[in-house]
Amino acid sequence: MIGVPLVLLHLVAAFFCFSALHTRPGHPGDEDAFFAIKAFAVLTIATEALALLITLAPSHRAALNRWWLAPPIALILTAVVRLVLPV
């Protein structure tokens, strides 16, 4: 039963990550776009951190396979790379 909320969290985080990856500044000083990129990346990290904590909870560890760790790790790494690398 815990799979449904995890899938929903992953979908929300994937939307945030997609938005962070596809937001482009209109010009080099476009502060609104840079803020949006950072906000979407931070929202991705926060959402997937929650999903990762749920996945690693001792009460759910027996019910969930190890592959449930792949989406949070992949999306968190993608968001961190988006935060670190320039546009």
C-alpha atoms as a PDB file:
ATOM      1  CA  MET A   1       0.000   0.000   0.000  1.00  0.00           C
ATOM      2  CA  ILE A   2       2.910   2.382   0.492  1.00  0.00           C
ATOM      3  CA  GLY A   3       3.718   2.226  -3.225  1.00  0.00           C
ATOM      4  CA  VAL A   4       0.903   4.575  -4.267  1.00  0.00           C
ATOM      5  CA  PRO A   5       2.047   7.562  -2.154  1.00  0.00           C
ATOM      6  CA  LEU A   6       5.648   6.951  -3.235  1.00  0.00           C
ATOM      7  CA  VAL A   7       4.694   6.948  -6.901  1.00  0.00           C
ATOM      8  CA  LEU A   8       2.768  10.195  -6.402  1.00  0.00           C
ATOM      9  CA  LEU A   9       5.776  11.788  -4.679  1.00  0.00           C
ATOM     10  CA  HIS A  10       8.021  10.646  -7.526  1.00  0.00           C
ATOM     11  CA  LEU A  11       5.649  12.096 -10.115  1.00  0.00           C
ATOM     12  CA  VAL A  12       5.524  15.454  -8.340  1.00  0.00           C
ATOM     13  CA  ALA A  13       9.312  15.503  -8.015  1.00  0.00           C
ATOM     14  CA  ALA A  14       9.704  14.512 -11.660  1.00  0.00           C
ATOM     15  CA  PHE A  15       7.520  17.480 -12.654  1.00  0.00           C
ATOM     16  CA  PHE A  16       9.692  19.825 -10.567  1.00  0.00           C
ATOM     17  CA  CYS A  17      12.871  18.315 -12.024  1.00  0.00           C
ATOM     18  CA  PHE A  18      11.536  18.592 -15.578  1.00  0.00           C
ATOM     19  CA  SER A  19      10.667  22.229 -14.927  1.00  0.00           C
ATOM     20  CA  ALA A  20      14.144  22.906 -13.518  1.00  0.00           C
ATOM     21  CA  LEU A  21      15.793  21.318 -16.535  1.00  0.00           C
ATOM     22  CA  HIS A  22      13.674  23.081 -19.147  1.00  0.00           C
ATOM     23  CA  THR A  23      13.523  26.572 -17.684  1.00  0.00           C
ATOM     24  CA  ARG A  24      15.882  28.799 -19.616  1.00  0.00           C
ATOM     25  CA  PRO A  25      16.737  32.429 -18.969  1.00  0.00           C
ATOM     26  CA  GLY A  26      15.719  34.863 -21.675  1.00  0.00           C
ATOM     27  CA  HIS A  27      18.933  36.851 -21.293  1.00  0.00           C
ATOM     28  CA  PRO A  28      22.093  36.569 -19.146  1.00  0.00           C
ATOM     29  CA  GLY A  29      20.679  38.693 -16.316  1.00  0.00           C
ATOM     30  CA  ASP A  30      17.254  37.068 -16.106  1.00  0.00           C
ATOM     31  CA  GLU A  31      17.043  36.732 -12.317  1.00  0.00           C
ATOM     32  CA  ASP A  32      13.470  35.422 -12.385  1.00  0.00           C
ATOM     33  CA  ALA A  33      14.493  32.425 -14.474  1.00  0.00           C
ATOM     34  CA  PHE A  34      17.515  31.726 -12.269  1.00  0.00           C
ATOM     35  CA  PHE A  35      15.288  31.868  -9.186  1.00  0.00           C
ATOM     36  CA  ALA A  36      12.761  29.526 -10.818  1.00  0.00           C
ATOM     37  CA  ILE A  37      15.491  27.032 -11.713  1.00  0.00           C
ATOM     38  CA  LYS A  38      16.807  27.050  -8.145  1.00  0.00           C
ATOM     39  CA  ALA A  39      13.307  26.819  -6.673  1.00  0.00           C
ATOM     40  CA  PHE A  40      12.345  23.861  -8.867  1.00  0.00           C
ATOM     41  CA  ALA A  41      15.612  22.084  -8.069  1.00  0.00           C
ATOM     42  CA  VAL A  42      15.182  22.618  -4.325  1.00  0.00           C
ATOM     43  CA  LEU A  43      11.569  21.418  -4.515  1.00  0.00           C
ATOM     44  CA  THR A  44      12.766  18.303  -6.335  1.00  0.00           C
ATOM     45  CA  ILE A  45      15.344  17.612  -3.639  1.00  0.00           C
ATOM     46  CA  ALA A  46      12.865  18.191  -0.808  1.00  0.00           C
ATOM     47  CA  THR A  47      10.159  16.001  -2.352  1.00  0.00           C
ATOM     48  CA  GLU A  48      12.544  13.174  -3.120  1.00  0.00           C
ATOM     49  CA  ALA A  49      14.195  13.426   0.302  1.00  0.00           C
ATOM     50  CA  LEU A  50      10.767  12.765   1.803  1.00  0.00           C
ATOM     51  CA  ALA A  51      10.255   9.824  -0.561  1.00  0.00           C
ATOM     52  CA  LEU A  52      13.714   8.494   0.305  1.00  0.00           C
ATOM     53  CA  LEU A  53      12.987   8.716   4.021  1.00  0.00           C
ATOM     54  CA  ILE A  54       9.722   6.850   3.540  1.00  0.00           C
ATOM     55  CA  THR A  55      11.495   4.191   1.481  1.00  0.00           C
ATOM     56  CA  LEU A  56      14.235   3.735   4.083  1.00  0.00           C
ATOM     57  CA  ALA A  57      11.859   3.606   7.055  1.00  0.00           C
ATOM     58  CA  PRO A  58      12.287   0.330   8.914  1.00  0.00           C
ATOM     59  CA  SER A  59       8.573  -0.419   8.786  1.00  0.00           C
ATOM     60  CA  HIS A  60       8.552  -0.216   4.963  1.00  0.00           C
ATOM     61  CA  ARG A  61      11.932  -1.745   4.232  1.00  0.00           C
ATOM     62  CA  ALA A  62      10.587  -5.312   4.160  1.00  0.00           C
ATOM     63  CA  ALA A  63       7.700  -4.405   1.836  1.00  0.00           C
ATOM     64  CA  LEU A  64       9.732  -2.430  -0.711  1.00  0.00           C
ATOM     65  CA  ASN A  65      12.373  -3.756  -3.086  1.00  0.00           C
ATOM     66  CA  ARG A  66      15.698  -2.008  -3.532  1.00  0.00           C
ATOM     67  CA  TRP A  67      14.616  -0.561  -6.899  1.00  0.00           C
ATOM     68  CA  TRP A  68      12.419   1.913  -4.986  1.00  0.00           C
ATOM     69  CA  LEU A  69      15.674   3.695  -4.118  1.00  0.00           C
ATOM     70  CA  ALA A  70      16.454   4.425  -7.794  1.00  0.00           C
ATOM     71  CA  PRO A  71      13.947   7.253  -8.517  1.00  0.00           C
ATOM     72  CA  PRO A  72      14.832   9.393  -5.486  1.00  0.00           C
ATOM     73  CA  ILE A  73      18.563   8.994  -6.015  1.00  0.00           C
ATOM     74  CA  ALA A  74      18.337   9.752  -9.752  1.00  0.00           C
ATOM     75  CA  LEU A  75      16.111  12.809  -9.330  1.00  0.00           C
ATOM     76  CA  ILE A  76      18.122  14.197  -6.404  1.00  0.00           C
ATOM     77  CA  LEU A  77      21.370  13.841  -8.365  1.00  0.00           C
ATOM     78  CA  THR A  78      19.805  15.492 -11.415  1.00  0.00           C
ATOM     79  CA  ALA A  79      18.537  18.405  -9.309  1.00  0.00           C
ATOM     80  CA  VAL A  80      21.911  18.853  -7.596  1.00  0.00           C
ATOM     81  CA  VAL A  81      23.699  18.884 -10.946  1.00  0.00           C
ATOM     82  CA  ARG A  82      21.200  21.480 -12.192  1.00  0.00           C
ATOM     83  CA  LEU A  83      21.897  23.630  -9.154  1.00  0.00           C
ATOM     84  CA  VAL A  84      25.676  23.369  -9.477  1.00  0.00           C
ATOM     85  CA  LEU A  85      26.227  23.650 -13.220  1.00  0.00           C
ATOM     86  CA  PRO A  86      25.648  26.931 -15.010  1.00  0.00           C
ATOM     87  CA  VAL A  87      22.776  27.359 -17.433  1.00  0.00           C
END
